[in-house]
Amino acid sequence: MIDIKNIFNKLGIKEEHAGAYDGTWFAGSDRHLKSYSPVDGSLIGTIRQADINDYKRVSESAGKAFLSWRHVPAPKRGELVRQIGEKLREYKEPLGALVSIEMGKILQEGLGEVQEMIDMCDFAVGLSRQLYGLNMPSERGEHIIQEQWHPLGTIGLITAFNFPVAVWSWNAMLALICGDSVIWKPSSETPLCAIAVHNIIEEVLRKNNVPPGLLSLIIGSGSTVGEELINDRTVPLVSFTGSTKTGKHVAEAVGKRLGKHILELGGNNAVIVSDKLKDLKSCLTSVIFGSVGTTGQRCTSTRRIIVHETIYDRVIHSLVNAYQNLFIGNPLEEKTVVGPLVSRSAVSDMEKAIEKAKSLGGKVLTGGGLLPENPSGCYVYPCIIEAENHWDIVQEETFAPILYVLKYRTIEESVEINNSVPQGLSSSIFTDSVFEERYFLSNCGSDCGIANVNAGTSGAEIGGAFGGEKDTGGGRESGSDAWKAYMRRQTNVISWSREVILAQGINFNF
């Protein structure tokens, strides 16, 4: 069994912490945030929350840090990121364990999340030498058009509990190589994870003599420091991960001041299972992980499975049998594949969704109740429900391990069902048909930001741009050219002509 006390000692986790960091730890508020582990319900730490004055100090420090950091050449910024990655490698096991302890995901997923941070650092280091602009031909002789990218400023980052450290790295590592500073407001469900990250990187920041406030932290309520952050005119970009409802509020607040935003909001992800698929094993494994991994609390979790009517009974029978043999329990134990939900509030949301589905005629095929031995009250049986796609509860995202099963007749109908929900994050089809594969990936196929073939909906691999459409927000993080969101584009026209040549062939004589 993991020695939790030793884990906390390695990460510098104490009984009480200050909730603000700009090179030094501080907090002026007398309000306290308590972090309880969903593993056993125990109190694992107390944070003295930051207030508005603390935020103003952090914002000022971050602004000054940006003015200095933007002068550092991008490859040298990448060297700082490389060292952060090495430090994360050193602390992978204890930080991964803390993620499991505070959030509740199984240890393998906790370790995987820290590996994702390391991978993101590696990716960003390479990008630090590839912040390319363009040279374009001009219609005017002896002229050239040039595109270049400059650092943007201070990046505001608001993250969710389900990936308490990885999403920070997605944003912060790109922001660093782009020449920006970062203010991070983590979820109030997982504040110790954020504190641990800053404890880990503090030595690297100090050794490299970076300006205080380059990577800042503010832990406090959304109604105070969160509102200050999204309304702060000195923060040109806010990246928000969370619910669609809160994301719309963030977009409105940032939009009113004509700021920029990246929104990673809800997903209502579906897997289509074709009758053209010969081997169901890999499909079922992907669906099960997608629906119960992180106890159904990923934005990419599989919420719906759309099965061809001719194989429906066989697929559902296999799924139900697999669900009934899942080992649910302490996420720190090696044999566990499903840990607890993050809180009793999340359990309540799951129970309400199941009751709503049943009231509409939904048939619970398995699961849905609380485990009898339940030290935190957060352990549930993952649930499968026969449903109809048009029901309001199916159209919504419930952040819990509920899988709705649906039938289809034609590939066109399956795609229509996939696309019918307000969200548009991740999607998947399992098929051996080239036609179905190409149709699913075509401009009349999946309308999601992520579309997979013979791979599940869940998970994000560093390198590909992560994000979705519609109520998912439309932003992109992590891979591809997502770095451009953290910079400002400048178009330059350069003339070496001894004559004035105007665009569009205009003659201007006086």
Protein backbone atom coordinates (compact mmCIF):
# COMPACT_ATOMS: atom_id res chain seq x y z
CA MET A 1 0.00 0.00 0.00
CA ILE A 2 1.20 3.50 -0.81
CA ASP A 3 2.64 5.51 2.08
CA ILE A 4 0.55 8.69 1.83
CA LYS A 5 2.54 10.53 4.50
CA ASN A 6 5.76 9.91 2.58
CA ILE A 7 4.09 11.13 -0.62
CA PHE A 8 3.07 14.36 1.06
CA ASN A 9 6.56 14.89 2.50
CA LYS A 10 8.18 14.47 -0.93
CA LEU A 11 5.80 17.02 -2.46
CA GLY A 12 5.99 19.53 0.38
CA ILE A 13 2.30 19.10 1.24
CA LYS A 14 1.54 20.37 4.77
CA GLU A 15 -1.57 20.61 6.92
CA GLU A 16 -2.07 24.24 5.87
CA HIS A 17 -0.91 26.29 2.90
CA ALA A 18 -1.15 29.83 1.65
CA GLY A 19 -3.23 30.03 -1.52
CA ALA A 20 -1.24 32.49 -3.64
CA TYR A 21 2.19 32.23 -5.25
CA ASP A 22 4.19 34.70 -7.34
CA GLY A 23 7.68 33.48 -6.45
CA THR A 24 6.77 33.50 -2.77
CA TRP A 25 3.76 32.03 -0.96
CA PHE A 26 1.21 34.35 0.63
CA ALA A 27 -2.50 34.88 1.29
CA GLY A 28 -4.29 37.69 3.09
CA SER A 29 -7.69 36.07 3.52
CA ASP A 30 -8.93 34.37 6.69
CA ARG A 31 -11.20 32.11 4.61
CA HIS A 32 -10.10 28.48 4.40
CA LEU A 33 -10.62 25.84 1.72
CA LYS A 34 -10.54 22.25 2.94
CA SER A 35 -9.52 19.42 0.61
CA TYR A 36 -11.10 16.03 1.32
CA SER A 37 -9.99 12.84 -0.39
CA PRO A 38 -12.76 10.91 -2.19
CA VAL A 39 -10.72 7.75 -1.45
CA ASP A 40 -11.79 7.65 2.21
CA GLY A 41 -13.38 11.03 2.95
CA SER A 42 -10.43 12.18 5.08
CA LEU A 43 -9.26 15.78 5.34
CA ILE A 44 -5.89 15.94 3.55
CA GLY A 45 -5.14 19.66 3.60
CA THR A 46 -6.33 23.19 4.29
CA ILE A 47 -5.61 26.21 2.11
CA ARG A 48 -5.88 29.82 3.21
CA GLN A 49 -7.71 31.24 0.22
CA ALA A 50 -6.51 34.19 -1.79
CA ASP A 51 -8.65 37.32 -1.90
CA ILE A 52 -9.00 40.16 -4.40
CA ASN A 53 -5.96 42.03 -3.06
CA ASP A 54 -3.90 38.86 -3.40
CA TYR A 55 -5.08 38.54 -6.99
CA LYS A 56 -4.04 42.11 -7.75
CA ARG A 57 -0.56 41.39 -6.43
CA VAL A 58 -0.30 38.21 -8.53
CA SER A 59 -1.57 40.02 -11.63
CA GLU A 60 0.96 42.82 -11.18
CA SER A 61 3.81 40.32 -10.69
CA ALA A 62 2.77 38.36 -13.78
CA GLY A 63 2.60 41.53 -15.84
CA LYS A 64 6.12 42.57 -14.83
CA ALA A 65 7.40 39.05 -15.48
CA PHE A 66 6.02 39.16 -19.02
CA LEU A 67 7.81 42.41 -19.81
CA SER A 68 11.08 40.71 -18.93
CA TRP A 69 10.40 37.19 -20.23
CA ARG A 70 9.41 38.32 -23.75
CA HIS A 71 13.02 39.42 -24.35
CA VAL A 72 14.36 35.91 -23.73
CA PRO A 73 14.97 34.04 -27.04
CA ALA A 74 12.40 31.32 -27.64
CA PRO A 75 14.93 28.42 -27.63
CA LYS A 76 16.17 29.60 -24.22
CA ARG A 77 12.56 29.67 -23.01
CA GLY A 78 12.42 26.08 -24.26
CA GLU A 79 15.42 25.22 -22.09
CA LEU A 80 13.44 26.26 -19.00
CA VAL A 81 10.59 24.01 -20.13
CA ARG A 82 13.05 21.15 -20.66
CA GLN A 83 14.23 21.48 -17.07
CA ILE A 84 10.64 21.56 -15.82
CA GLY A 85 10.04 18.31 -17.70
CA GLU A 86 13.09 16.71 -16.08
CA LYS A 87 11.88 17.76 -12.63
CA LEU A 88 8.45 16.28 -13.35
CA ARG A 89 10.13 13.01 -14.34
CA GLU A 90 11.83 13.01 -10.95
CA TYR A 91 8.51 13.48 -9.14
CA LYS A 92 6.25 11.44 -11.42
CA GLU A 93 5.34 8.77 -8.89
CA PRO A 94 4.50 10.97 -5.89
CA LEU A 95 2.65 13.55 -8.00
CA GLY A 96 0.69 10.83 -9.80
CA ALA A 97 -0.23 9.34 -6.43
CA LEU A 98 -1.40 12.74 -5.15
CA VAL A 99 -3.65 13.12 -8.20
CA SER A 100 -5.25 9.79 -7.28
CA ILE A 101 -5.55 10.71 -3.60
CA GLU A 102 -7.11 14.14 -4.12
CA MET A 103 -9.16 13.52 -7.28
CA GLY A 104 -9.92 9.79 -7.05
CA LYS A 105 -8.75 8.44 -10.43
CA ILE A 106 -6.91 5.13 -10.30
CA LEU A 107 -3.15 5.22 -9.80
CA GLN A 108 -2.36 4.19 -13.40
CA GLU A 109 -4.35 7.18 -14.63
CA GLY A 110 -2.71 9.48 -12.08
CA LEU A 111 0.73 8.40 -13.29
CA GLY A 112 -0.48 8.71 -16.89
CA GLU A 113 -1.55 12.28 -16.26
CA VAL A 114 1.92 13.24 -15.02
CA GLN A 115 3.42 11.46 -18.04
CA GLU A 116 1.19 13.68 -20.16
CA MET A 117 2.78 16.72 -18.47
CA ILE A 118 6.24 15.36 -19.29
CA ASP A 119 5.24 14.68 -22.90
CA MET A 120 3.87 18.21 -23.16
CA CYS A 121 7.19 19.62 -21.98
CA ASP A 122 9.04 17.59 -24.64
CA PHE A 123 6.61 18.78 -27.30
CA ALA A 124 6.96 22.42 -26.25
CA VAL A 125 10.76 22.25 -26.24
CA GLY A 126 10.68 21.26 -29.91
CA LEU A 127 8.17 23.98 -30.70
CA SER A 128 10.43 26.63 -29.16
CA ARG A 129 12.53 26.43 -32.33
CA GLN A 130 9.53 26.26 -34.66
CA LEU A 131 7.47 29.39 -33.99
CA TYR A 132 7.39 29.99 -37.70
CA GLY A 133 5.97 32.93 -39.58
CA LEU A 134 5.52 33.25 -43.35
CA ASN A 135 6.95 35.18 -46.27
CA MET A 136 4.33 35.92 -48.91
CA PRO A 137 4.60 37.46 -52.37
CA SER A 138 3.28 40.98 -52.82
CA GLU A 139 1.34 42.30 -55.80
CA ARG A 140 3.71 45.28 -55.69
CA GLY A 141 7.19 45.06 -57.18
CA GLU A 142 10.13 45.22 -54.78
CA HIS A 143 7.81 44.50 -51.84
CA ILE A 144 7.35 41.46 -49.64
CA ILE A 145 4.68 40.55 -47.09
CA GLN A 146 5.90 38.97 -43.90
CA GLU A 147 3.97 37.34 -41.06
CA GLN A 148 5.52 37.08 -37.61
CA TRP A 149 4.37 36.08 -34.14
CA HIS A 150 5.01 37.97 -30.91
CA PRO A 151 4.39 37.13 -27.22
CA LEU A 152 0.87 37.97 -26.16
CA GLY A 153 1.08 38.83 -22.45
CA THR A 154 -0.24 37.25 -19.26
CA ILE A 155 -2.30 34.11 -19.79
CA GLY A 156 -5.14 33.39 -17.35
CA LEU A 157 -5.68 29.68 -16.82
CA ILE A 158 -8.70 28.14 -15.08
CA THR A 159 -8.64 24.33 -14.84
CA ALA A 160 -11.03 21.58 -13.77
CA PHE A 161 -10.72 18.85 -11.14
CA ASN A 162 -10.70 15.87 -13.50
CA PHE A 163 -7.23 16.60 -14.88
CA PRO A 164 -5.83 18.70 -12.06
CA VAL A 165 -2.26 18.98 -13.40
CA ALA A 166 -2.13 17.94 -17.08
CA VAL A 167 -4.27 20.80 -18.43
CA TRP A 168 -1.97 23.28 -16.65
CA SER A 169 0.95 21.87 -18.63
CA TRP A 170 -0.99 22.00 -21.92
CA ASN A 171 -1.35 25.74 -21.51
CA ALA A 172 1.58 26.82 -19.37
CA MET A 173 4.31 25.08 -21.38
CA LEU A 174 3.09 26.60 -24.64
CA ALA A 175 2.68 29.99 -22.98
CA LEU A 176 6.25 29.84 -21.67
CA ILE A 177 7.88 29.09 -25.02
CA CYS A 178 5.70 31.78 -26.63
CA GLY A 179 7.08 34.38 -24.20
CA ASP A 180 4.05 34.74 -21.92
CA SER A 181 3.53 34.63 -18.16
CA VAL A 182 0.78 32.52 -16.54
CA ILE A 183 -1.73 32.96 -13.71
CA TRP A 184 -3.26 29.62 -12.75
CA LYS A 185 -6.54 29.26 -10.88
CA PRO A 186 -7.05 25.54 -10.23
CA SER A 187 -10.27 23.79 -9.26
CA SER A 188 -11.29 24.14 -5.61
CA GLU A 189 -11.69 20.34 -5.60
CA THR A 190 -7.97 19.76 -6.23
CA PRO A 191 -5.92 22.64 -4.77
CA LEU A 192 -3.14 20.46 -3.30
CA CYS A 193 -2.23 19.14 -6.75
CA ALA A 194 -1.61 22.72 -7.92
CA ILE A 195 0.46 23.52 -4.84
CA ALA A 196 2.53 20.37 -5.37
CA VAL A 197 3.26 21.34 -9.00
CA HIS A 198 4.59 24.73 -7.90
CA ASN A 199 6.63 23.13 -5.13
CA ILE A 200 8.20 20.83 -7.74
CA ILE A 201 9.08 23.57 -10.25
CA GLU A 202 10.09 26.24 -7.71
CA GLU A 203 13.73 25.09 -7.68
CA VAL A 204 13.89 25.21 -11.49
CA LEU A 205 12.46 28.74 -11.58
CA ARG A 206 14.87 29.93 -8.89
CA LYS A 207 17.93 28.27 -10.49
CA ASN A 208 17.18 29.95 -13.83
CA ASN A 209 16.60 33.33 -12.18
CA VAL A 210 13.29 33.85 -13.97
CA PRO A 211 11.27 36.92 -13.00
CA PRO A 212 8.90 36.39 -10.03
CA GLY A 213 5.35 35.85 -11.19
CA LEU A 214 6.27 34.10 -14.44
CA LEU A 215 4.30 31.05 -13.27
CA SER A 216 1.80 32.21 -10.66
CA LEU A 217 -0.93 30.49 -8.67
CA ILE A 218 -4.14 31.83 -7.17
CA ILE A 219 -6.44 29.57 -5.12
CA GLY A 220 -9.78 31.07 -4.19
CA SER A 221 -13.46 31.09 -5.01
CA GLY A 222 -14.73 31.63 -8.52
CA SER A 223 -16.96 34.48 -7.36
CA THR A 224 -13.94 36.46 -6.12
CA VAL A 225 -10.56 35.72 -7.69
CA GLY A 226 -12.14 33.91 -10.63
CA GLU A 227 -14.20 36.96 -11.54
CA GLU A 228 -11.17 39.20 -11.10
CA LEU A 229 -9.20 37.02 -13.51
CA ILE A 230 -11.76 36.87 -16.31
CA ASN A 231 -12.39 40.62 -16.07
CA ASP A 232 -8.72 41.61 -15.86
CA ARG A 233 -7.86 43.80 -18.88
CA THR A 234 -4.15 43.07 -18.36
CA VAL A 235 -4.84 39.39 -19.17
CA PRO A 236 -5.33 39.23 -22.97
CA LEU A 237 -6.15 35.50 -23.04
CA VAL A 238 -8.16 33.31 -20.66
CA SER A 239 -8.09 29.54 -21.11
CA PHE A 240 -10.99 27.88 -19.31
CA THR A 241 -11.76 24.20 -18.81
CA GLY A 242 -15.08 23.31 -17.19
CA SER A 243 -18.82 23.22 -17.70
CA THR A 244 -20.58 24.73 -20.69
CA LYS A 245 -22.66 26.94 -18.38
CA THR A 246 -19.61 28.49 -16.71
CA GLY A 247 -17.77 28.62 -20.03
CA LYS A 248 -20.50 30.81 -21.52
CA HIS A 249 -20.12 33.19 -18.57
CA VAL A 250 -16.35 33.30 -19.07
CA ALA A 251 -16.78 33.94 -22.81
CA GLU A 252 -19.23 36.77 -22.12
CA ALA A 253 -16.97 38.45 -19.53
CA VAL A 254 -13.81 38.15 -21.62
CA GLY A 255 -15.67 39.13 -24.79
CA LYS A 256 -17.01 42.33 -23.21
CA ARG A 257 -13.44 43.57 -22.87
CA LEU A 258 -12.54 42.18 -26.33
CA GLY A 259 -10.14 39.67 -24.84
CA LYS A 260 -9.35 36.25 -26.28
CA HIS A 261 -10.43 32.93 -24.84
CA ILE A 262 -9.84 29.21 -25.22
CA LEU A 263 -12.82 27.16 -24.04
CA GLU A 264 -12.66 23.43 -23.34
CA LEU A 265 -16.20 22.62 -22.21
CA GLY A 266 -18.55 19.65 -22.07
CA GLY A 267 -18.57 16.55 -24.23
CA ASN A 268 -21.37 14.09 -24.99
CA ASN A 269 -19.24 11.63 -26.87
CA ALA A 270 -20.51 8.67 -28.85
CA VAL A 271 -19.09 5.45 -30.25
CA ILE A 272 -20.70 3.96 -33.35
CA VAL A 273 -20.39 0.17 -33.57
CA SER A 274 -20.89 -1.09 -37.11
CA ASP A 275 -22.18 -4.47 -38.22
CA LYS A 276 -19.22 -4.45 -40.63
CA LEU A 277 -16.83 -4.90 -37.69
CA LYS A 278 -15.56 -8.49 -37.52
CA ASP A 279 -13.73 -8.43 -34.15
CA LEU A 280 -15.64 -6.79 -31.29
CA LYS A 281 -12.99 -7.30 -28.61
CA SER A 282 -10.95 -4.14 -29.17
CA CYS A 283 -14.12 -2.14 -29.58
CA LEU A 284 -15.58 -3.33 -26.28
CA THR A 285 -12.33 -2.66 -24.43
CA SER A 286 -12.23 0.89 -25.81
CA VAL A 287 -15.88 1.52 -24.97
CA ILE A 288 -15.49 0.23 -21.41
CA PHE A 289 -12.39 2.31 -20.74
CA GLY A 290 -14.04 5.32 -22.36
CA SER A 291 -17.15 5.02 -20.21
CA VAL A 292 -15.68 4.04 -16.80
CA GLY A 293 -12.12 5.44 -17.00
CA THR A 294 -11.67 8.27 -14.47
CA THR A 295 -15.09 7.05 -13.26
CA GLY A 296 -16.73 8.72 -16.26
CA GLN A 297 -15.30 12.14 -15.37
CA ARG A 298 -13.37 12.92 -18.53
CA CYS A 299 -14.66 15.46 -21.00
CA THR A 300 -13.89 12.75 -23.59
CA SER A 301 -15.70 9.98 -21.68
CA THR A 302 -17.97 7.78 -23.78
CA ARG A 303 -21.56 8.78 -22.91
CA ARG A 304 -23.44 7.05 -25.75
CA ILE A 305 -22.90 3.85 -27.74
CA ILE A 306 -24.76 3.65 -31.05
CA VAL A 307 -24.98 0.01 -32.17
CA HIS A 308 -26.25 -1.47 -35.43
CA GLU A 309 -29.54 -3.24 -34.79
CA THR A 310 -28.29 -6.61 -36.12
CA ILE A 311 -25.52 -6.90 -33.50
CA TYR A 312 -27.18 -4.87 -30.73
CA ASP A 313 -28.11 -7.77 -28.44
CA ARG A 314 -24.65 -9.36 -28.68
CA VAL A 315 -22.82 -6.08 -27.97
CA ILE A 316 -25.04 -5.12 -25.05
CA HIS A 317 -24.79 -8.58 -23.51
CA SER A 318 -20.99 -8.39 -23.64
CA LEU A 319 -20.94 -4.88 -22.15
CA VAL A 320 -23.27 -5.77 -19.28
CA ASN A 321 -21.21 -8.85 -18.47
CA ALA A 322 -17.99 -6.81 -18.47
CA TYR A 323 -19.50 -4.08 -16.25
CA GLN A 324 -20.58 -6.67 -13.70
CA ASN A 325 -17.00 -7.88 -13.37
CA LEU A 326 -15.29 -4.49 -12.95
CA PHE A 327 -13.24 -4.13 -9.77
CA ILE A 328 -14.38 -0.98 -8.01
CA GLY A 329 -12.51 0.28 -4.99
CA ASN A 330 -9.53 2.17 -3.59
CA PRO A 331 -7.84 3.86 -6.57
CA LEU A 332 -4.41 3.35 -5.02
CA GLU A 333 -4.74 -0.45 -5.20
CA GLU A 334 -3.28 -2.08 -8.30
CA LYS A 335 -6.30 -4.29 -9.03
CA THR A 336 -8.77 -1.35 -9.05
CA VAL A 337 -10.10 -0.21 -12.43
CA VAL A 338 -12.85 2.14 -11.18
CA GLY A 339 -12.27 4.55 -8.32
CA PRO A 340 -14.67 6.95 -6.59
CA LEU A 341 -16.42 9.98 -7.98
CA VAL A 342 -14.81 13.24 -6.91
CA SER A 343 -17.50 14.21 -4.39
CA ARG A 344 -20.91 13.32 -2.96
CA SER A 345 -22.32 16.13 -5.05
CA ALA A 346 -21.18 14.23 -8.15
CA VAL A 347 -22.87 11.09 -6.78
CA SER A 348 -26.09 13.05 -6.36
CA ASP A 349 -25.90 14.30 -9.97
CA MET A 350 -25.49 10.72 -11.17
CA GLU A 351 -28.47 9.50 -9.14
CA LYS A 352 -30.68 12.30 -10.46
CA ALA A 353 -29.71 11.53 -14.07
CA ILE A 354 -30.53 7.83 -13.65
CA GLU A 355 -33.91 8.63 -12.10
CA LYS A 356 -34.65 11.07 -14.91
CA ALA A 357 -33.82 8.46 -17.55
CA LYS A 358 -36.01 5.87 -15.80
CA SER A 359 -38.91 8.30 -15.62
CA LEU A 360 -38.71 8.71 -19.42
CA GLY A 361 -38.81 4.96 -19.99
CA GLY A 362 -35.10 4.16 -19.79
CA LYS A 363 -34.19 0.63 -18.78
CA VAL A 364 -31.25 0.22 -16.39
CA LEU A 365 -29.36 -2.85 -17.62
CA THR A 366 -26.77 -2.83 -14.85
CA GLY A 367 -25.26 -0.66 -12.13
CA GLY A 368 -26.27 2.72 -10.86
CA GLY A 369 -26.24 2.21 -7.09
CA LEU A 370 -23.76 2.91 -4.30
CA LEU A 371 -21.24 0.31 -3.21
CA PRO A 372 -22.17 -1.19 0.19
CA GLU A 373 -18.66 -0.61 1.56
CA ASN A 374 -18.25 3.08 0.90
CA PRO A 375 -15.81 4.94 3.17
CA SER A 376 -16.31 8.31 1.43
CA GLY A 377 -19.82 7.85 0.03
CA CYS A 378 -18.35 8.43 -3.45
CA TYR A 379 -18.10 4.86 -4.80
CA VAL A 380 -20.74 3.89 -7.40
CA TYR A 381 -21.49 1.08 -9.80
CA PRO A 382 -21.06 2.25 -13.42
CA CYS A 383 -24.41 2.20 -15.16
CA ILE A 384 -25.73 1.15 -18.58
CA ILE A 385 -29.16 2.42 -19.66
CA GLU A 386 -31.22 1.66 -22.75
CA ALA A 387 -32.44 5.02 -23.92
CA GLU A 388 -33.63 7.20 -26.77
CA ASN A 389 -31.31 9.83 -28.13
CA HIS A 390 -33.86 12.66 -28.15
CA TRP A 391 -34.44 12.56 -24.38
CA ASP A 392 -33.21 15.70 -22.64
CA ILE A 393 -31.10 13.72 -20.18
CA VAL A 394 -29.32 11.94 -23.05
CA GLN A 395 -28.71 15.27 -24.76
CA GLU A 396 -27.01 16.56 -21.60
CA GLU A 397 -23.59 15.67 -20.21
CA THR A 398 -23.64 13.98 -16.82
CA PHE A 399 -20.12 13.82 -15.38
CA ALA A 400 -20.44 10.24 -14.15
CA PRO A 401 -20.13 6.64 -15.45
CA ILE A 402 -23.50 6.44 -17.24
CA LEU A 403 -23.53 4.84 -20.70
CA TYR A 404 -26.67 5.24 -22.84
CA VAL A 405 -27.15 2.51 -25.48
CA LEU A 406 -28.91 3.31 -28.76
CA LYS A 407 -29.74 1.46 -32.02
CA TYR A 408 -29.26 2.47 -35.65
CA ARG A 409 -30.02 1.01 -39.10
CA THR A 410 -27.83 2.91 -41.59
CA ILE A 411 -24.47 4.68 -41.40
CA GLU A 412 -26.24 7.94 -42.21
CA GLU A 413 -28.60 7.47 -39.27
CA SER A 414 -25.72 6.67 -36.90
CA VAL A 415 -23.88 9.87 -37.83
CA GLU A 416 -27.09 11.86 -37.46
CA ILE A 417 -27.48 10.47 -33.92
CA ASN A 418 -23.84 11.25 -33.15
CA ASN A 419 -24.23 14.85 -34.32
CA SER A 420 -27.64 15.54 -32.79
CA VAL A 421 -26.38 16.62 -29.34
CA PRO A 422 -25.37 20.22 -28.49
CA GLN A 423 -21.79 19.19 -27.71
CA GLY A 424 -19.10 18.36 -30.26
CA LEU A 425 -15.90 17.16 -28.61
CA SER A 426 -15.00 13.53 -29.38
CA SER A 427 -16.50 10.77 -31.52
CA SER A 428 -15.60 7.31 -32.73
CA ILE A 429 -16.60 4.61 -35.16
CA PHE A 430 -15.58 0.96 -35.11
CA THR A 431 -15.85 -0.56 -38.57
CA ASP A 432 -13.98 -2.61 -41.17
CA SER A 433 -15.73 -0.77 -44.00
CA VAL A 434 -13.61 1.76 -45.87
CA PHE A 435 -16.78 3.47 -47.06
CA GLU A 436 -18.09 3.91 -43.50
CA GLU A 437 -14.70 5.12 -42.30
CA ARG A 438 -14.45 7.77 -45.02
CA TYR A 439 -18.08 8.81 -44.60
CA PHE A 440 -17.56 9.28 -40.85
CA LEU A 441 -14.49 11.46 -41.47
CA SER A 442 -15.98 13.40 -44.39
CA ASN A 443 -17.54 16.86 -44.32
CA CYS A 444 -20.94 15.21 -43.89
CA GLY A 445 -19.67 12.91 -41.12
CA SER A 446 -18.86 13.57 -37.48
CA ASP A 447 -19.17 17.24 -36.48
CA CYS A 448 -16.82 16.85 -33.52
CA GLY A 449 -13.36 18.33 -33.03
CA ILE A 450 -12.02 14.80 -32.58
CA ALA A 451 -13.09 11.88 -34.79
CA ASN A 452 -11.50 8.45 -34.31
CA VAL A 453 -11.67 5.26 -36.34
CA ASN A 454 -11.30 1.95 -34.47
CA ALA A 455 -10.16 3.84 -31.39
CA GLY A 456 -12.26 5.07 -28.48
CA THR A 457 -13.37 8.59 -27.62
CA SER A 458 -11.39 8.93 -24.44
CA GLY A 459 -7.96 10.41 -24.02
CA ALA A 460 -5.79 13.02 -25.69
CA GLU A 461 -2.44 12.29 -27.29
CA ILE A 462 0.09 15.11 -27.19
CA GLY A 463 0.73 16.40 -30.71
CA GLY A 464 -2.84 16.59 -31.94
CA ALA A 465 -4.82 19.75 -31.25
CA PHE A 466 -7.37 19.05 -28.52
CA GLY A 467 -10.82 20.65 -28.50
CA GLY A 468 -14.31 20.58 -29.93
CA GLU A 469 -17.13 22.44 -31.61
CA LYS A 470 -20.59 23.77 -30.70
CA ASP A 471 -21.19 23.83 -26.92
CA THR A 472 -17.72 22.35 -26.37
CA GLY A 473 -16.37 25.84 -26.98
CA GLY A 474 -14.32 25.74 -30.15
CA GLY A 475 -10.88 26.21 -28.58
CA ARG A 476 -7.78 24.12 -29.22
CA GLU A 477 -4.99 23.21 -26.81
CA SER A 478 -1.87 21.08 -26.64
CA GLY A 479 -0.78 20.08 -30.15
CA SER A 480 -0.54 21.09 -33.79
CA ASP A 481 -0.57 24.90 -34.16
CA ALA A 482 -2.39 25.54 -30.86
CA TRP A 483 0.63 27.67 -29.86
CA LYS A 484 -0.68 30.47 -32.10
CA ALA A 485 -3.46 31.20 -29.58
CA TYR A 486 -0.80 32.31 -27.06
CA MET A 487 0.77 34.83 -29.44
CA ARG A 488 -0.24 37.86 -31.44
CA ARG A 489 0.06 37.84 -35.21
CA GLN A 490 1.68 40.75 -37.02
CA THR A 491 1.63 41.29 -40.78
CA ASN A 492 4.50 43.36 -42.14
CA VAL A 493 4.90 44.90 -45.59
CA ILE A 494 8.53 45.61 -46.44
CA SER A 495 9.50 47.74 -49.45
CA TRP A 496 12.94 48.15 -50.95
CA SER A 497 11.63 50.16 -53.90
CA ARG A 498 12.82 53.71 -54.54
CA GLU A 499 9.28 54.51 -55.68
CA VAL A 500 6.00 54.65 -53.77
CA ILE A 501 3.85 51.80 -55.10
CA LEU A 502 0.32 51.67 -53.69
CA ALA A 503 -1.80 48.55 -53.37
CA GLN A 504 -4.70 47.81 -55.73
CA GLY A 505 -2.93 49.77 -58.45
CA ILE A 506 -3.98 53.12 -56.98
CA ASN A 507 -2.31 56.26 -58.39
CA PHE A 508 -2.07 59.14 -55.95
CA ASN A 509 -0.54 62.25 -57.44
CA PHE A 510 -0.42 65.68 -55.85
